[in-house]
Protein backbone atom coordinates (compact mmCIF):
# COMPACT_ATOMS: atom_id res chain seq x y z
CA UNK A 1 120.06 38.84 72.99
CA UNK A 2 117.58 36.64 71.89
CA UNK A 3 116.40 32.91 73.84
CA UNK A 4 117.95 30.66 71.11
CA UNK A 5 121.21 32.16 71.31
CA UNK A 6 121.75 32.31 75.08
CA UNK A 7 120.45 28.87 74.81
CA UNK A 8 123.87 27.93 72.19
CA UNK A 9 126.32 29.77 74.21
CA UNK A 10 125.26 28.29 77.53
CA UNK A 11 125.53 24.46 75.31
CA UNK A 12 128.44 26.00 74.24
CA UNK A 13 130.10 26.63 77.91
CA UNK A 14 128.85 23.04 78.93
CA UNK A 15 130.79 21.52 76.00
CA UNK A 16 133.65 18.43 77.27
CA UNK A 17 137.25 20.28 75.40
CA UNK A 18 139.18 17.33 75.16
CA UNK A 19 143.26 17.82 75.03
CA UNK A 20 143.64 18.40 71.86
CA UNK A 21 141.06 21.12 71.68
CA UNK A 22 142.34 22.55 74.64
CA UNK A 23 145.94 22.60 72.31
CA UNK A 24 144.76 23.97 69.35
CA UNK A 25 142.96 26.53 71.42
CA UNK A 26 145.93 27.55 73.05
CA UNK A 27 148.63 27.61 70.68
CA UNK A 28 145.96 29.62 68.00
CA UNK A 29 145.99 32.23 71.31
CA UNK A 30 149.69 32.67 71.00
CA UNK A 31 149.79 32.91 67.46
CA UNK A 32 147.07 35.60 67.04
CA UNK A 33 148.95 37.59 69.79
CA UNK A 34 152.60 37.21 68.50
CA UNK A 35 151.64 37.72 64.64
CA UNK A 36 149.91 40.58 65.65
CA UNK A 37 152.77 42.70 67.07
CA UNK A 38 154.91 40.66 64.54
CA UNK A 39 153.79 39.99 61.10
CA UNK A 40 156.78 37.51 60.41
CA UNK A 41 155.76 34.82 63.18
CA UNK A 42 154.39 32.24 61.96
CA UNK A 43 151.83 29.18 62.79
CA UNK A 44 154.36 27.05 61.99
CA UNK A 45 157.07 28.64 64.34
CA UNK A 46 154.16 28.51 67.07
CA UNK A 47 153.76 24.94 66.43
CA UNK A 48 157.26 23.83 66.43
CA UNK A 49 157.87 25.70 69.50
CA UNK A 50 155.11 24.72 70.94
CA UNK A 51 156.22 20.66 70.19
CA UNK A 52 159.60 21.93 71.83
CA UNK A 53 157.64 22.86 75.20
CA UNK A 54 157.19 20.02 78.01
CA UNK A 55 154.11 18.84 78.32
CA UNK A 56 151.80 20.26 81.37
CA UNK A 57 149.44 17.41 82.22
CA UNK A 58 147.28 19.62 84.66
CA UNK A 59 146.86 22.94 83.77
CA UNK A 60 145.08 23.91 86.85
CA UNK A 61 148.05 22.88 89.03
CA UNK A 62 150.34 25.60 87.61
CA UNK A 63 147.82 28.19 87.89
CA UNK A 64 146.70 27.51 91.82
CA UNK A 65 150.63 27.62 92.27
CA UNK A 66 150.64 31.32 91.54
């Protein structure tokens, strides 16, 4: 890997993500994994289900409780 690419990757790791960015990423991950298994799953379905779920204000708490 060349140095400019390493620098870009390091900058991306350190870039802050808003809650909205994280939610968009979470939904994209959910869609990608479910659509892979069932092509009838749509982004709209993932959005509808995600909108119905209660919000977790601190996801680190949920992970550390396991």
